[in-house]
Amino acid sequence: MAYVYFNPNPANKRVGDCVIRAISKLTNQSWAATYLAVTLKGYEMCDMPSSNSVWAAYLRDCGYRRFVIDDTCPNCYTISDFCRGNPQGKFLLATGSHVVTVIDGDYFDAWDSGNEVPILCWSKEFLNG
């Protein structure tokens, strides 16, 4: 389980587009294709593409389901912990302010977010906890 640097942003920006970067990795699309698709969903919903409801609707349209992560230890269960517990599968994790993709136990991000605390998970697969 490891952090893997991933930043498909064509301008190499690391702030404000974590949703687009994460969905890009999760869906195996380019940053530009993801940006356009999520922006079109925002236009359809009359809301900003960074709005949780917009990108969540986009993921649902792509066949993903949302799971709430158990909060037995709300401040100590990290993205790294999630990776150790889910060594197989593709997941998008959301914290209160960040979004990151996990694939087969590795988390892909423009910075090492392994100590962040996830609260939601999106997946097409079974969630181990």
C-alpha atoms as a PDB file:
ATOM      1  CA  MET A   1       0.000   0.000   0.000  1.00  0.00           C
ATOM      2  CA  ALA A   2       1.656   3.191  -1.130  1.00  0.00           C
ATOM      3  CA  TYR A   3       1.242   6.777  -2.190  1.00  0.00           C
ATOM      4  CA  VAL A   4       1.640   7.214  -5.951  1.00  0.00           C
ATOM      5  CA  TYR A   5       2.130  10.692  -7.377  1.00  0.00           C
ATOM      6  CA  PHE A   6      -0.623  11.460  -9.887  1.00  0.00           C
ATOM      7  CA  ASN A   7      -1.418  14.829 -11.388  1.00  0.00           C
ATOM      8  CA  PRO A   8      -3.010  14.781 -14.834  1.00  0.00           C
ATOM      9  CA  ASN A   9      -3.753  18.524 -14.736  1.00  0.00           C
ATOM     10  CA  PRO A  10      -2.274  19.903 -17.994  1.00  0.00           C
ATOM     11  CA  ALA A  11      -1.016  23.015 -16.165  1.00  0.00           C
ATOM     12  CA  ASN A  12       0.321  20.868 -13.283  1.00  0.00           C
ATOM     13  CA  LYS A  13      -1.919  22.701 -10.796  1.00  0.00           C
ATOM     14  CA  ARG A  14      -2.568  20.961  -7.474  1.00  0.00           C
ATOM     15  CA  VAL A  15      -5.273  23.087  -5.879  1.00  0.00           C
ATOM     16  CA  GLY A  16      -8.986  23.237  -6.584  1.00  0.00           C
ATOM     17  CA  ASP A  17      -9.318  20.322  -8.994  1.00  0.00           C
ATOM     18  CA  CYS A  18      -8.890  17.259  -6.766  1.00  0.00           C
ATOM     19  CA  VAL A  19     -12.353  16.010  -7.763  1.00  0.00           C
ATOM     20  CA  ILE A  20     -11.430  16.140 -11.443  1.00  0.00           C
ATOM     21  CA  ARG A  21      -8.033  14.494 -10.861  1.00  0.00           C
ATOM     22  CA  ALA A  22      -9.548  11.711  -8.737  1.00  0.00           C
ATOM     23  CA  ILE A  23     -12.448  10.989 -11.091  1.00  0.00           C
ATOM     24  CA  SER A  24     -10.017  11.065 -14.016  1.00  0.00           C
ATOM     25  CA  LYS A  25      -7.945   8.309 -12.398  1.00  0.00           C
ATOM     26  CA  LEU A  26     -10.976   6.314 -11.235  1.00  0.00           C
ATOM     27  CA  THR A  27     -12.642   6.310 -14.664  1.00  0.00           C
ATOM     28  CA  ASN A  28      -9.433   6.132 -16.734  1.00  0.00           C
ATOM     29  CA  GLN A  29     -10.285   9.340 -18.603  1.00  0.00           C
ATOM     30  CA  SER A  30      -8.101  12.322 -19.377  1.00  0.00           C
ATOM     31  CA  TRP A  31      -8.258  15.337 -17.085  1.00  0.00           C
ATOM     32  CA  ALA A  32      -9.863  17.383 -19.899  1.00  0.00           C
ATOM     33  CA  ALA A  33     -12.538  14.774 -20.687  1.00  0.00           C
ATOM     34  CA  THR A  34     -13.376  14.465 -16.996  1.00  0.00           C
ATOM     35  CA  TYR A  35     -13.487  18.231 -16.515  1.00  0.00           C
ATOM     36  CA  LEU A  36     -15.863  18.634 -19.450  1.00  0.00           C
ATOM     37  CA  ALA A  37     -18.142  15.768 -18.364  1.00  0.00           C
ATOM     38  CA  VAL A  38     -18.444  16.976 -14.770  1.00  0.00           C
ATOM     39  CA  THR A  39     -18.914  20.574 -15.943  1.00  0.00           C
ATOM     40  CA  LEU A  40     -21.725  19.468 -18.269  1.00  0.00           C
ATOM     41  CA  LYS A  41     -23.347  17.664 -15.339  1.00  0.00           C
ATOM     42  CA  GLY A  42     -23.072  20.922 -13.370  1.00  0.00           C
ATOM     43  CA  TYR A  43     -24.672  22.839 -16.236  1.00  0.00           C
ATOM     44  CA  GLU A  44     -27.494  20.282 -16.381  1.00  0.00           C
ATOM     45  CA  MET A  45     -28.043  20.656 -12.604  1.00  0.00           C
ATOM     46  CA  CYS A  46     -27.531  24.466 -12.606  1.00  0.00           C
ATOM     47  CA  ASP A  47     -24.723  24.121 -10.079  1.00  0.00           C
ATOM     48  CA  MET A  48     -20.944  24.349  -9.977  1.00  0.00           C
ATOM     49  CA  PRO A  49     -18.941  21.273 -11.062  1.00  0.00           C
ATOM     50  CA  SER A  50     -17.097  21.263  -7.719  1.00  0.00           C
ATOM     51  CA  SER A  51     -20.373  20.922  -5.830  1.00  0.00           C
ATOM     52  CA  ASN A  52     -20.614  17.583  -4.012  1.00  0.00           C
ATOM     53  CA  SER A  53     -24.058  16.978  -5.498  1.00  0.00           C
ATOM     54  CA  VAL A  54     -22.761  17.490  -9.052  1.00  0.00           C
ATOM     55  CA  TRP A  55     -19.759  15.188  -9.005  1.00  0.00           C
ATOM     56  CA  ALA A  56     -21.758  12.652  -6.963  1.00  0.00           C
ATOM     57  CA  ALA A  57     -24.461  12.654  -9.656  1.00  0.00           C
ATOM     58  CA  TYR A  58     -21.780  12.183 -12.291  1.00  0.00           C
ATOM     59  CA  LEU A  59     -20.351   9.177 -10.443  1.00  0.00           C
ATOM     60  CA  ARG A  60     -23.838   7.681 -10.059  1.00  0.00           C
ATOM     61  CA  ASP A  61     -24.370   8.093 -13.802  1.00  0.00           C
ATOM     62  CA  CYS A  62     -21.110   6.163 -14.302  1.00  0.00           C
ATOM     63  CA  GLY A  63     -22.400   3.279 -12.157  1.00  0.00           C
ATOM     64  CA  TYR A  64     -20.658   4.052  -8.860  1.00  0.00           C
ATOM     65  CA  ARG A  65     -22.301   3.694  -5.455  1.00  0.00           C
ATOM     66  CA  ARG A  66     -21.619   5.702  -2.310  1.00  0.00           C
ATOM     67  CA  PHE A  67     -20.689   4.057   0.980  1.00  0.00           C
ATOM     68  CA  VAL A  68     -20.346   5.829   4.316  1.00  0.00           C
ATOM     69  CA  ILE A  69     -17.138   4.861   6.091  1.00  0.00           C
ATOM     70  CA  ASP A  70     -17.695   3.624   9.628  1.00  0.00           C
ATOM     71  CA  ASP A  71     -16.742   6.280  12.169  1.00  0.00           C
ATOM     72  CA  THR A  72     -15.881   3.995  15.086  1.00  0.00           C
ATOM     73  CA  CYS A  73     -12.603   5.875  15.241  1.00  0.00           C
ATOM     74  CA  PRO A  74     -13.441   9.112  13.393  1.00  0.00           C
ATOM     75  CA  ASN A  75     -10.040  10.740  13.844  1.00  0.00           C
ATOM     76  CA  CYS A  76      -7.722   7.781  13.510  1.00  0.00           C
ATOM     77  CA  TYR A  77      -8.896   5.832  10.424  1.00  0.00           C
ATOM     78  CA  THR A  78      -6.904   7.309   7.555  1.00  0.00           C
ATOM     79  CA  ILE A  79      -6.665   6.911   3.813  1.00  0.00           C
ATOM     80  CA  SER A  80      -3.584   4.752   4.413  1.00  0.00           C
ATOM     81  CA  ASP A  81      -5.628   2.547   6.770  1.00  0.00           C
ATOM     82  CA  PHE A  82      -8.341   2.229   4.115  1.00  0.00           C
ATOM     83  CA  CYS A  83      -5.723   1.112   1.594  1.00  0.00           C
ATOM     84  CA  ARG A  84      -4.402  -1.590   3.924  1.00  0.00           C
ATOM     85  CA  GLY A  85      -7.944  -2.880   4.466  1.00  0.00           C
ATOM     86  CA  ASN A  86      -8.854  -2.776   0.773  1.00  0.00           C
ATOM     87  CA  PRO A  87      -5.862  -4.141  -1.174  1.00  0.00           C
ATOM     88  CA  GLN A  88      -7.966  -4.839  -4.251  1.00  0.00           C
ATOM     89  CA  GLY A  89     -10.475  -2.717  -6.127  1.00  0.00           C
ATOM     90  CA  LYS A  90     -11.022   0.837  -7.335  1.00  0.00           C
ATOM     91  CA  PHE A  91     -12.364   3.454  -4.917  1.00  0.00           C
ATOM     92  CA  LEU A  92     -12.799   7.206  -4.697  1.00  0.00           C
ATOM     93  CA  LEU A  93     -12.468   8.505  -1.118  1.00  0.00           C
ATOM     94  CA  ALA A  94     -13.812  11.827   0.084  1.00  0.00           C
ATOM     95  CA  THR A  95     -12.697  13.648   3.212  1.00  0.00           C
ATOM     96  CA  GLY A  96     -14.384  16.825   4.322  1.00  0.00           C
ATOM     97  CA  SER A  97     -12.270  18.836   1.898  1.00  0.00           C
ATOM     98  CA  HIS A  98     -10.412  16.483  -0.444  1.00  0.00           C
ATOM     99  CA  VAL A  99     -10.974  13.614  -2.884  1.00  0.00           C
ATOM    100  CA  VAL A 100      -8.487  10.868  -3.786  1.00  0.00           C
ATOM    101  CA  THR A 101      -8.524   7.634  -5.786  1.00  0.00           C
ATOM    102  CA  VAL A 102      -7.428   4.260  -4.426  1.00  0.00           C
ATOM    103  CA  ILE A 103      -6.613   1.415  -6.817  1.00  0.00           C
ATOM    104  CA  ASP A 104      -5.514  -1.985  -5.519  1.00  0.00           C
ATOM    105  CA  GLY A 105      -4.349  -0.540  -2.206  1.00  0.00           C
ATOM    106  CA  ASP A 106      -2.365   2.383  -3.631  1.00  0.00           C
ATOM    107  CA  TYR A 107      -3.652   5.957  -3.395  1.00  0.00           C
ATOM    108  CA  PHE A 108      -3.096   8.336  -6.298  1.00  0.00           C
ATOM    109  CA  ASP A 109      -2.822  12.039  -5.597  1.00  0.00           C
ATOM    110  CA  ALA A 110      -0.833  15.192  -6.339  1.00  0.00           C
ATOM    111  CA  TRP A 111       0.356  15.174  -2.708  1.00  0.00           C
ATOM    112  CA  ASP A 112       0.638  12.569   0.048  1.00  0.00           C
ATOM    113  CA  SER A 113      -2.853  12.604   1.564  1.00  0.00           C
ATOM    114  CA  GLY A 114      -2.460   9.279   3.387  1.00  0.00           C
ATOM    115  CA  ASN A 115      -3.042  10.827   6.826  1.00  0.00           C
ATOM    116  CA  GLU A 116      -6.357  12.416   5.810  1.00  0.00           C
ATOM    117  CA  VAL A 117      -9.538  10.909   7.285  1.00  0.00           C
ATOM    118  CA  PRO A 118     -12.033   9.608   4.701  1.00  0.00           C
ATOM    119  CA  ILE A 119     -15.759   9.862   5.370  1.00  0.00           C
ATOM    120  CA  LEU A 120     -17.248   8.596   2.088  1.00  0.00           C
ATOM    121  CA  CYS A 121     -16.262   6.013  -0.465  1.00  0.00           C
ATOM    122  CA  TRP A 122     -17.482   5.598  -4.038  1.00  0.00           C
ATOM    123  CA  SER A 123     -17.085   2.255  -5.763  1.00  0.00           C
ATOM    124  CA  LYS A 124     -18.662  -0.259  -8.113  1.00  0.00           C
ATOM    125  CA  GLU A 125     -17.271  -2.979  -5.865  1.00  0.00           C
ATOM    126  CA  PHE A 126     -17.767  -4.386  -2.396  1.00  0.00           C
ATOM    127  CA  LEU A 127     -16.331  -2.287   0.427  1.00  0.00           C
ATOM    128  CA  ASN A 128     -14.307  -4.153   3.089  1.00  0.00           C
ATOM    129  CA  GLY A 129     -14.552  -1.463   5.726  1.00  0.00           C
END
